[in-house]
Amino acid sequence: MVEGKGRGTPNKFAHFLSIASGSLTEGDTHVISNELEYITNEELGAVVEIVEEVGRMQTGLRKALSI
């Protein structure tokens, strides 16, 4: 997101916000990690909480910027 902001145009910033949202969905791989027992249920719960919080923050930022 910082790189997109540094590009200087609202459209480029919006594009990088979109990329950041896509990257956030990669958190789904942690579910697979849990199923393969690489992480515990407790660790998975913590990851899910963080992913959800960051998602809300990204949504709030897009709304605040009307993007």
Protein backbone atom coordinates (compact mmCIF):
# COMPACT_ATOMS: atom_id res chain seq x y z
CA MET A 1 0.00 0.00 0.00
CA VAL A 2 2.86 2.34 0.80
CA GLU A 3 4.38 1.76 -2.62
CA GLY A 4 1.06 2.58 -4.27
CA LYS A 5 0.73 5.77 -2.24
CA GLY A 6 4.23 6.74 -3.34
CA ARG A 7 3.27 6.43 -7.00
CA GLY A 8 1.44 9.72 -6.70
CA THR A 9 -1.95 9.08 -8.33
CA PRO A 10 -5.21 7.96 -6.73
CA ASN A 11 -5.71 5.26 -9.36
CA LYS A 12 -2.33 3.70 -8.68
CA PHE A 13 -2.95 3.84 -4.95
CA ALA A 14 -6.32 2.14 -5.46
CA HIS A 15 -4.61 -0.55 -7.51
CA PHE A 16 -2.13 -1.28 -4.73
CA LEU A 17 -4.93 -1.37 -2.17
CA SER A 18 -6.56 -4.01 -4.33
CA ILE A 19 -3.33 -6.01 -4.41
CA ALA A 20 -3.09 -5.75 -0.62
CA SER A 21 -6.61 -7.12 -0.28
CA GLY A 22 -5.70 -10.04 -2.50
CA SER A 23 -2.63 -10.72 -0.43
CA LEU A 24 -4.76 -10.78 2.69
CA THR A 25 -6.77 -13.68 1.32
CA GLU A 26 -3.59 -15.70 1.29
CA GLY A 27 -4.30 -16.11 4.99
CA ASP A 28 -6.56 -18.95 3.88
CA THR A 29 -3.43 -21.04 3.48
CA HIS A 30 -3.20 -21.09 7.26
CA VAL A 31 -6.37 -23.18 7.32
CA ILE A 32 -4.56 -25.76 5.22
CA SER A 33 -1.58 -25.53 7.56
CA ASN A 34 -3.90 -26.32 10.43
CA GLU A 35 -5.45 -29.26 8.60
CA LEU A 36 -1.95 -30.63 7.99
CA GLU A 37 -1.21 -30.02 11.68
CA TYR A 38 1.61 -27.54 11.00
CA ILE A 39 -0.10 -25.07 13.33
CA THR A 40 -2.43 -25.56 16.28
CA ASN A 41 -6.09 -24.59 16.50
CA GLU A 42 -5.05 -21.79 18.85
CA GLU A 43 -2.51 -20.44 16.34
CA LEU A 44 -5.09 -20.66 13.57
CA GLY A 45 -7.58 -18.72 15.68
CA ALA A 46 -5.03 -15.96 16.23
CA VAL A 47 -4.26 -15.77 12.50
CA VAL A 48 -7.95 -15.62 11.60
CA GLU A 49 -8.52 -12.78 14.10
CA ILE A 50 -5.63 -10.76 12.65
CA VAL A 51 -6.70 -11.37 9.05
CA GLU A 52 -10.25 -10.26 9.85
CA GLU A 53 -9.04 -7.14 11.66
CA VAL A 54 -6.70 -6.12 8.85
CA GLY A 55 -9.49 -6.74 6.35
CA ARG A 56 -11.76 -4.39 8.26
CA MET A 57 -9.01 -1.78 8.37
CA GLN A 58 -8.45 -2.06 4.62
CA THR A 59 -12.17 -1.72 3.96
CA GLY A 60 -12.32 1.31 6.21
CA LEU A 61 -9.40 2.91 4.39
CA ARG A 62 -10.99 2.33 0.98
CA LYS A 63 -14.28 3.80 2.20
CA ALA A 64 -12.56 6.80 3.78
CA LEU A 65 -10.75 7.48 0.52
CA SER A 66 -13.86 6.71 -1.55
CA ILE A 67 -11.95 4.13 -3.58
